[in-house]
C-alpha atoms as a PDB file:
ATOM      1  CA  MET A   1     -49.248 -34.605 -86.666  1.00  0.00           C
ATOM      2  CA  LYS A   2     -47.086 -34.634 -89.830  1.00  0.00           C
ATOM      3  CA  LEU A   3     -43.534 -34.610 -88.616  1.00  0.00           C
ATOM      4  CA  PHE A   4     -41.846 -35.387 -92.340  1.00  0.00           C
ATOM      5  CA  SER A   5     -42.260 -32.495 -94.613  1.00  0.00           C
ATOM      6  CA  PHE A   6     -39.225 -33.311 -96.762  1.00  0.00           C
ATOM      7  CA  GLY A   7     -39.338 -31.195 -99.777  1.00  0.00           C
ATOM      8  CA  LYS A   8     -41.122 -28.640 -98.945  1.00  0.00           C
ATOM      9  CA  GLU A   9     -39.052 -25.251 -98.696  1.00  0.00           C
ATOM     10  CA  LYS A  10     -39.686 -22.312 -96.650  1.00  0.00           C
ATOM     11  CA  LYS A  11     -40.097 -19.079 -98.149  1.00  0.00           C
ATOM     12  CA  GLN A  12     -36.981 -17.181 -97.758  1.00  0.00           C
ATOM     13  CA  GLU A  13     -36.973 -13.457 -97.198  1.00  0.00           C
ATOM     14  CA  GLY A  14     -34.282 -12.204 -99.547  1.00  0.00           C
ATOM     15  CA  PHE A  15     -31.186  -9.606 -99.548  1.00  0.00           C
ATOM     16  CA  VAL A  16     -28.223  -9.208-100.672  1.00  0.00           C
ATOM     17  CA  PHE A  17     -25.368  -7.069 -99.525  1.00  0.00           C
ATOM     18  CA  GLN A  18     -22.330  -6.077-101.528  1.00  0.00           C
ATOM     19  CA  ILE A  19     -18.753  -5.815 -99.835  1.00  0.00           C
ATOM     20  CA  ASP A  20     -17.000  -2.655-100.381  1.00  0.00           C
ATOM     21  CA  ASP A  21     -14.335  -3.172 -97.631  1.00  0.00           C
ATOM     22  CA  VAL A  22     -13.337  -5.079 -94.428  1.00  0.00           C
ATOM     23  CA  PHE A  23     -11.773  -3.732 -90.814  1.00  0.00           C
ATOM     24  CA  ALA A  24     -10.609  -5.721 -88.062  1.00  0.00           C
ATOM     25  CA  LEU A  25     -12.409  -4.980 -84.645  1.00  0.00           C
ATOM     26  CA  LYS A  26     -10.132  -4.796 -81.635  1.00  0.00           C
ATOM     27  CA  GLY A  27     -10.815  -7.759 -79.686  1.00  0.00           C
ATOM     28  CA  ASP A  28     -13.074 -10.000 -81.963  1.00  0.00           C
ATOM     29  CA  GLY A  29     -15.199 -10.227 -85.400  1.00  0.00           C
ATOM     30  CA  VAL A  30     -14.899  -7.628 -87.632  1.00  0.00           C
ATOM     31  CA  VAL A  31     -16.559  -4.589 -89.746  1.00  0.00           C
ATOM     32  CA  VAL A  32     -17.775  -4.723 -93.367  1.00  0.00           C
ATOM     33  CA  THR A  33     -19.128  -1.559 -95.197  1.00  0.00           C
ATOM     34  CA  GLY A  34     -21.067  -1.722 -98.297  1.00  0.00           C
ATOM     35  CA  ARG A  35     -24.699  -1.227 -99.841  1.00  0.00           C
ATOM     36  CA  VAL A  36     -27.608  -3.636 -99.486  1.00  0.00           C
ATOM     37  CA  THR A  37     -28.460  -4.044-103.281  1.00  0.00           C
ATOM     38  CA  GLU A  38     -31.617  -6.050-102.444  1.00  0.00           C
ATOM     39  CA  GLY A  39     -34.215  -6.374 -99.532  1.00  0.00           C
ATOM     40  CA  VAL A  40     -33.545  -5.723 -95.719  1.00  0.00           C
ATOM     41  CA  ILE A  41     -31.368  -7.184 -93.020  1.00  0.00           C
ATOM     42  CA  ARG A  42     -32.042  -6.881 -89.779  1.00  0.00           C
ATOM     43  CA  GLN A  43     -29.573  -7.138 -86.679  1.00  0.00           C
ATOM     44  CA  GLY A  44     -29.470 -10.719 -85.380  1.00  0.00           C
ATOM     45  CA  GLU A  45     -30.146 -12.267 -88.489  1.00  0.00           C
ATOM     46  CA  ARG A  46     -27.693 -15.056 -89.919  1.00  0.00           C
ATOM     47  CA  ALA A  47     -26.269 -14.655 -93.114  1.00  0.00           C
ATOM     48  CA  VAL A  48     -23.935 -16.709 -95.760  1.00  0.00           C
ATOM     49  CA  CYS A  49     -21.008 -14.816 -97.337  1.00  0.00           C
ATOM     50  CA  VAL A  50     -20.143 -15.961-100.726  1.00  0.00           C
ATOM     51  CA  PRO A  51     -17.156 -15.071-102.045  1.00  0.00           C
ATOM     52  CA  GLY A  52     -15.369 -14.031-105.582  1.00  0.00           C
ATOM     53  CA  ALA A  53     -13.520 -16.784-104.718  1.00  0.00           C
ATOM     54  CA  GLY A  54     -13.023 -19.451-101.971  1.00  0.00           C
ATOM     55  CA  THR A  55     -15.451 -21.177-100.327  1.00  0.00           C
ATOM     56  CA  SER A  56     -18.774 -19.729 -98.647  1.00  0.00           C
ATOM     57  CA  PHE A  57     -19.704 -19.665 -94.967  1.00  0.00           C
ATOM     58  CA  LEU A  58     -21.625 -18.611 -92.170  1.00  0.00           C
ATOM     59  CA  CYS A  59     -22.070 -15.496 -89.966  1.00  0.00           C
ATOM     60  CA  ALA A  60     -24.062 -13.551 -87.763  1.00  0.00           C
ATOM     61  CA  ILE A  61     -24.668  -9.752 -88.049  1.00  0.00           C
ATOM     62  CA  GLU A  62     -24.447  -8.395 -84.513  1.00  0.00           C
ATOM     63  CA  ARG A  63     -24.719  -4.608 -85.073  1.00  0.00           C
ATOM     64  CA  MET A  64     -25.168  -2.210 -87.759  1.00  0.00           C
ATOM     65  CA  GLU A  65     -23.945   1.687 -88.382  1.00  0.00           C
ATOM     66  CA  GLN A  66     -24.861   3.851 -90.697  1.00  0.00           C
ATOM     67  CA  PRO A  67     -23.896   7.976 -90.813  1.00  0.00           C
ATOM     68  CA  ASP A  68     -26.326  10.340 -89.720  1.00  0.00           C
ATOM     69  CA  PRO A  69     -28.044  12.440 -93.039  1.00  0.00           C
ATOM     70  CA  ARG A  70     -29.013  15.347 -90.519  1.00  0.00           C
ATOM     71  CA  HIS A  71     -25.829  15.376 -88.085  1.00  0.00           C
ATOM     72  CA  GLN A  72     -22.723  15.553 -89.979  1.00  0.00           C
ATOM     73  CA  GLY A  73     -20.040  13.187 -88.094  1.00  0.00           C
ATOM     74  CA  GLN A  74     -22.411  11.010 -86.093  1.00  0.00           C
ATOM     75  CA  PHE A  75     -23.826   7.822 -86.696  1.00  0.00           C
ATOM     76  CA  LEU A  76     -26.896   5.578 -86.656  1.00  0.00           C
ATOM     77  CA  HIS A  77     -27.413   2.029 -85.170  1.00  0.00           C
ATOM     78  CA  PRO A  78     -30.796   0.824 -86.729  1.00  0.00           C
ATOM     79  CA  LYS A  79     -31.896  -2.149 -86.082  1.00  0.00           C
ATOM     80  CA  GLU A  80     -32.593  -3.101 -89.663  1.00  0.00           C
ATOM     81  CA  ALA A  81     -30.380  -2.117 -93.161  1.00  0.00           C
ATOM     82  CA  ARG A  82     -32.401  -1.305 -96.398  1.00  0.00           C
ATOM     83  CA  ALA A  83     -31.630  -1.158 -99.762  1.00  0.00           C
ATOM     84  CA  ASP A  84     -34.303   1.716 -99.867  1.00  0.00           C
ATOM     85  CA  GLY A  85     -32.658   3.116 -96.816  1.00  0.00           C
ATOM     86  CA  PRO A  86     -31.106   6.955 -96.357  1.00  0.00           C
ATOM     87  CA  CYS A  87     -27.386   6.855 -97.710  1.00  0.00           C
ATOM     88  CA  GLY A  88     -28.302   5.027-100.943  1.00  0.00           C
ATOM     89  CA  GLY A  89     -28.252   1.768 -98.505  1.00  0.00           C
ATOM     90  CA  HIS A  90     -24.729   1.918 -97.693  1.00  0.00           C
ATOM     91  CA  TYR A  91     -24.180   0.727 -93.963  1.00  0.00           C
ATOM     92  CA  ALA A  92     -21.537  -0.934 -91.574  1.00  0.00           C
ATOM     93  CA  LEU A  93     -22.444  -4.170 -90.094  1.00  0.00           C
ATOM     94  CA  MET A  94     -20.279  -5.667 -87.180  1.00  0.00           C
ATOM     95  CA  ILE A  95     -19.657  -9.471 -87.342  1.00  0.00           C
ATOM     96  CA  PRO A  96     -18.322 -11.170 -84.279  1.00  0.00           C
ATOM     97  CA  GLY A  97     -16.030 -14.578 -84.619  1.00  0.00           C
ATOM     98  CA  ARG A  98     -14.167 -13.880 -88.071  1.00  0.00           C
ATOM     99  CA  ASP A  99     -11.366 -12.840 -88.890  1.00  0.00           C
ATOM    100  CA  LYS A 100     -10.293  -9.872 -91.551  1.00  0.00           C
ATOM    101  CA  SER A 101      -8.681 -12.233 -94.373  1.00  0.00           C
ATOM    102  CA  ASP A 102     -12.453 -13.782 -94.331  1.00  0.00           C
ATOM    103  CA  PHE A 103     -13.911 -10.861 -96.490  1.00  0.00           C
ATOM    104  CA  ARG A 104     -13.184  -9.103 -99.510  1.00  0.00           C
ATOM    105  CA  SER A 105     -14.206  -6.480-101.240  1.00  0.00           C
ATOM    106  CA  GLY A 106     -17.234  -7.571-103.858  1.00  0.00           C
ATOM    107  CA  ASP A 107     -17.984 -10.892-101.499  1.00  0.00           C
ATOM    108  CA  ARG A 108     -21.449 -10.616-101.090  1.00  0.00           C
ATOM    109  CA  LEU A 109     -23.979 -11.694 -98.145  1.00  0.00           C
ATOM    110  CA  VAL A 110     -27.299 -13.310 -98.444  1.00  0.00           C
ATOM    111  CA  PRO A 111     -29.765 -15.021 -96.353  1.00  0.00           C
ATOM    112  CA  ALA A 112     -28.884 -18.055 -94.396  1.00  0.00           C
ATOM    113  CA  GLY A 113     -30.782 -21.143 -96.069  1.00  0.00           C
ATOM    114  CA  SER A 114     -30.754 -19.419 -99.844  1.00  0.00           C
ATOM    115  CA  VAL A 115     -27.704 -21.013-100.822  1.00  0.00           C
ATOM    116  CA  PRO A 116     -25.963 -24.161-100.113  1.00  0.00           C
ATOM    117  CA  LEU A 117     -22.657 -24.061 -98.224  1.00  0.00           C
ATOM    118  CA  ASP A 118     -19.581 -25.315 -99.657  1.00  0.00           C
ATOM    119  CA  GLU A 119     -18.412 -26.988 -96.518  1.00  0.00           C
ATOM    120  CA  PRO A 120     -20.752 -27.765 -93.886  1.00  0.00           C
ATOM    121  CA  GLN A 121     -17.901 -28.392 -91.630  1.00  0.00           C
ATOM    122  CA  LEU A 122     -17.122 -25.065 -91.423  1.00  0.00           C
ATOM    123  CA  MET A 123     -20.105 -24.300 -89.202  1.00  0.00           C
ATOM    124  CA  ILE A 124     -19.090 -26.490 -86.534  1.00  0.00           C
ATOM    125  CA  PRO A 125     -16.221 -25.932 -83.891  1.00  0.00           C
ATOM    126  CA  ARG A 126     -13.746 -28.539 -86.354  1.00  0.00           C
ATOM    127  CA  PRO A 127     -14.292 -31.084 -88.453  1.00  0.00           C
ATOM    128  CA  CYS A 128     -17.062 -33.537 -87.292  1.00  0.00           C
ATOM    129  CA  LYS A 129     -16.816 -37.234 -87.481  1.00  0.00           C
ATOM    130  CA  GLY A 130     -19.294 -38.661 -84.981  1.00  0.00           C
ATOM    131  CA  PHE A 131     -22.727 -37.546 -86.077  1.00  0.00           C
ATOM    132  CA  LEU A 132     -23.972 -34.387 -88.508  1.00  0.00           C
ATOM    133  CA  PHE A 133     -27.412 -33.859 -88.962  1.00  0.00           C
ATOM    134  CA  GLN A 134     -28.912 -31.181 -91.120  1.00  0.00           C
ATOM    135  CA  ILE A 135     -32.329 -29.463 -90.042  1.00  0.00           C
ATOM    136  CA  GLN A 136     -34.915 -29.477 -92.603  1.00  0.00           C
ATOM    137  CA  ASP A 137     -37.962 -28.238 -90.443  1.00  0.00           C
ATOM    138  CA  ILE A 138     -38.696 -27.926 -86.890  1.00  0.00           C
ATOM    139  CA  PHE A 139     -41.558 -28.297 -84.393  1.00  0.00           C
ATOM    140  CA  SER A 140     -42.225 -27.593 -80.887  1.00  0.00           C
ATOM    141  CA  ILE A 141     -44.811 -30.186 -79.237  1.00  0.00           C
ATOM    142  CA  ARG A 142     -45.883 -29.283 -75.405  1.00  0.00           C
ATOM    143  CA  ASP A 143     -44.749 -31.068 -72.883  1.00  0.00           C
ATOM    144  CA  VAL A 144     -42.704 -33.089 -74.680  1.00  0.00           C
ATOM    145  CA  GLY A 145     -39.735 -31.050 -76.448  1.00  0.00           C
ATOM    146  CA  THR A 146     -38.753 -30.089 -79.784  1.00  0.00           C
ATOM    147  CA  VAL A 147     -38.887 -32.358 -83.353  1.00  0.00           C
ATOM    148  CA  VAL A 148     -36.404 -31.677 -85.827  1.00  0.00           C
ATOM    149  CA  THR A 149     -36.729 -33.492 -88.786  1.00  0.00           C
ATOM    150  CA  GLY A 150     -33.569 -33.606 -91.866  1.00  0.00           C
ATOM    151  CA  THR A 151     -31.042 -35.925 -92.907  1.00  0.00           C
ATOM    152  CA  VAL A 152     -28.115 -37.633 -91.239  1.00  0.00           C
ATOM    153  CA  LYS A 153     -24.787 -36.175 -93.264  1.00  0.00           C
ATOM    154  CA  ASN A 154     -22.181 -38.278 -91.509  1.00  0.00           C
ATOM    155  CA  GLY A 155     -22.069 -40.748 -88.720  1.00  0.00           C
ATOM    156  CA  SER A 156     -24.667 -41.939 -86.888  1.00  0.00           C
ATOM    157  CA  ALA A 157     -26.642 -41.309 -83.121  1.00  0.00           C
ATOM    158  CA  GLY A 158     -29.104 -43.115 -80.758  1.00  0.00           C
ATOM    159  CA  ILE A 159     -31.576 -42.641 -78.423  1.00  0.00           C
ATOM    160  CA  GLY A 160     -29.927 -40.847 -75.353  1.00  0.00           C
ATOM    161  CA  ASP A 161     -27.272 -39.405 -77.274  1.00  0.00           C
ATOM    162  CA  ILE A 162     -26.240 -35.949 -76.273  1.00  0.00           C
ATOM    163  CA  VAL A 163     -26.075 -33.810 -79.451  1.00  0.00           C
ATOM    164  CA  SER A 164     -24.723 -29.940 -79.835  1.00  0.00           C
ATOM    165  CA  PHE A 165     -25.880 -27.058 -81.543  1.00  0.00           C
ATOM    166  CA  GLY A 166     -24.867 -23.813 -81.865  1.00  0.00           C
ATOM    167  CA  HIS A 167     -21.747 -23.038 -84.284  1.00  0.00           C
ATOM    168  CA  VAL A 168     -22.222 -19.728 -85.570  1.00  0.00           C
ATOM    169  CA  PRO A 169     -19.452 -17.669 -84.690  1.00  0.00           C
ATOM    170  CA  GLY A 170     -19.883 -15.800 -81.507  1.00  0.00           C
ATOM    171  CA  GLU A 171     -22.739 -18.081 -80.544  1.00  0.00           C
ATOM    172  CA  THR A 172     -22.951 -20.374 -77.258  1.00  0.00           C
ATOM    173  CA  VAL A 173     -22.451 -24.226 -78.191  1.00  0.00           C
ATOM    174  CA  PHE A 174     -25.294 -26.144 -76.025  1.00  0.00           C
ATOM    175  CA  THR A 175     -26.665 -29.453 -76.020  1.00  0.00           C
ATOM    176  CA  CYS A 176     -29.615 -31.876 -75.760  1.00  0.00           C
ATOM    177  CA  GLU A 177     -30.667 -35.082 -75.342  1.00  0.00           C
ATOM    178  CA  ILE A 178     -32.457 -37.423 -78.149  1.00  0.00           C
ATOM    179  CA  LYS A 179     -35.374 -39.262 -76.840  1.00  0.00           C
ATOM    180  CA  SER A 180     -36.494 -40.898 -80.048  1.00  0.00           C
ATOM    181  CA  ILE A 181     -36.144 -41.363 -83.609  1.00  0.00           C
ATOM    182  CA  ASP A 182     -38.711 -41.500 -86.312  1.00  0.00           C
ATOM    183  CA  GLY A 183     -37.012 -43.254 -89.543  1.00  0.00           C
ATOM    184  CA  LYS A 184     -37.998 -42.387 -93.236  1.00  0.00           C
ATOM    185  CA  GLY A 185     -37.092 -45.511 -95.148  1.00  0.00           C
ATOM    186  CA  SER A 186     -38.737 -44.611 -98.507  1.00  0.00           C
ATOM    187  CA  VAL A 187     -39.364 -41.065-100.226  1.00  0.00           C
ATOM    188  CA  ASP A 188     -43.031 -41.440 -99.472  1.00  0.00           C
ATOM    189  CA  GLY A 189     -43.199 -41.362 -95.971  1.00  0.00           C
ATOM    190  CA  GLY A 190     -41.879 -42.731 -92.354  1.00  0.00           C
ATOM    191  CA  ILE A 191     -41.712 -46.039 -90.951  1.00  0.00           C
ATOM    192  CA  GLY A 192     -41.880 -45.360 -87.342  1.00  0.00           C
ATOM    193  CA  PRO A 193     -39.702 -45.186 -84.536  1.00  0.00           C
ATOM    194  CA  VAL A 194     -35.717 -46.637 -84.890  1.00  0.00           C
ATOM    195  CA  GLU A 195     -32.943 -46.929 -82.201  1.00  0.00           C
ATOM    196  CA  ARG A 196     -30.376 -45.129 -84.295  1.00  0.00           C
ATOM    197  CA  ALA A 197     -30.256 -42.006 -86.793  1.00  0.00           C
ATOM    198  CA  ALA A 198     -27.871 -43.133 -89.632  1.00  0.00           C
ATOM    199  CA  ASP A 199     -27.344 -42.046 -93.291  1.00  0.00           C
ATOM    200  CA  ASP A 200     -28.637 -45.817 -94.464  1.00  0.00           C
ATOM    201  CA  GLY A 201     -31.036 -47.837 -93.601  1.00  0.00           C
ATOM    202  CA  SER A 202     -34.641 -47.160 -92.116  1.00  0.00           C
ATOM    203  CA  CYS A 203     -32.944 -43.337 -91.942  1.00  0.00           C
ATOM    204  CA  ARG A 204     -31.686 -43.218 -95.361  1.00  0.00           C
ATOM    205  CA  TYR A 205     -34.146 -40.763 -96.963  1.00  0.00           C
ATOM    206  CA  GLY A 206     -34.062 -38.804 -93.706  1.00  0.00           C
ATOM    207  CA  CYS A 207     -35.562 -39.011 -90.026  1.00  0.00           C
ATOM    208  CA  ALA A 208     -37.393 -37.205 -87.108  1.00  0.00           C
ATOM    209  CA  LEU A 209     -35.388 -36.459 -83.937  1.00  0.00           C
ATOM    210  CA  THR A 210     -37.437 -35.743 -80.438  1.00  0.00           C
ATOM    211  CA  LEU A 211     -35.005 -33.527 -78.384  1.00  0.00           C
ATOM    212  CA  ASP A 212     -35.350 -32.457 -74.963  1.00  0.00           C
ATOM    213  CA  GLU A 213     -35.039 -29.112 -75.826  1.00  0.00           C
ATOM    214  CA  PRO A 214     -38.325 -27.295 -74.587  1.00  0.00           C
ATOM    215  CA  GLU A 215     -37.254 -23.729 -76.753  1.00  0.00           C
ATOM    216  CA  SER A 216     -37.630 -24.899 -80.355  1.00  0.00           C
ATOM    217  CA  ARG A 217     -36.954 -21.278 -81.262  1.00  0.00           C
ATOM    218  CA  ARG A 218     -33.218 -22.328 -80.501  1.00  0.00           C
ATOM    219  CA  PHE A 219     -32.452 -24.399 -83.629  1.00  0.00           C
ATOM    220  CA  ARG A 220     -32.740 -22.999 -87.112  1.00  0.00           C
ATOM    221  CA  VAL A 221     -33.595 -24.461 -90.574  1.00  0.00           C
ATOM    222  CA  GLY A 222     -30.130 -25.276 -92.784  1.00  0.00           C
ATOM    223  CA  GLU A 223     -27.868 -25.733 -89.942  1.00  0.00           C
ATOM    224  CA  TYR A 224     -26.906 -28.684 -88.002  1.00  0.00           C
ATOM    225  CA  LEU A 225     -26.573 -30.839 -84.682  1.00  0.00           C
ATOM    226  CA  PHE A 226     -23.429 -32.570 -84.174  1.00  0.00           C
ATOM    227  CA  ILE A 227     -21.701 -34.995 -81.978  1.00  0.00           C
ATOM    228  CA  LEU A 228     -17.858 -33.989 -82.636  1.00  0.00           C
END
């Protein structure tokens, strides 16, 4: 099995949501209203907010709401928001774990992974000094676990270390153990097992981490494993 696929990009299913207004929710989160100008957004999807000024950040679309065109004063809760949908593609999106001040009229939501984040540290609970690994590809290996390939952005981790994932606001962080590491010491390919993953030496061009988490669907391309 070829674990490394650096340089190959997964096709992104695009969308653009233009924010018109922002409202605070009671408890936690916000509602942003606006229009889908391109593509389709699905409930539960991750998105990047690209502000007119400031830094971009990751968020999650928890629920959607739209006026019912057939019944005045009533609302629909669709599973997806479409540019070609009713009411000219206008929707309200519920986003957990963010503040009203995070969004402004004119900001855009686009697919996670389609644009670089200005500050990856915004994706984890607090600034990460221990280990930060950006996932580029994900594989599931029966009776073994999950293999993630990518690059070490900061720090180092070794076999047996516990790493965390799950830093989207409103999402529960979970942990898993590194079972093995394969280094990638050149642009052309890997060099085999190594003891530690770091941003230099045998892992300076990336590496593959085998994790003891059997559900590969819990991880997402473009996001991060970390040790705080």
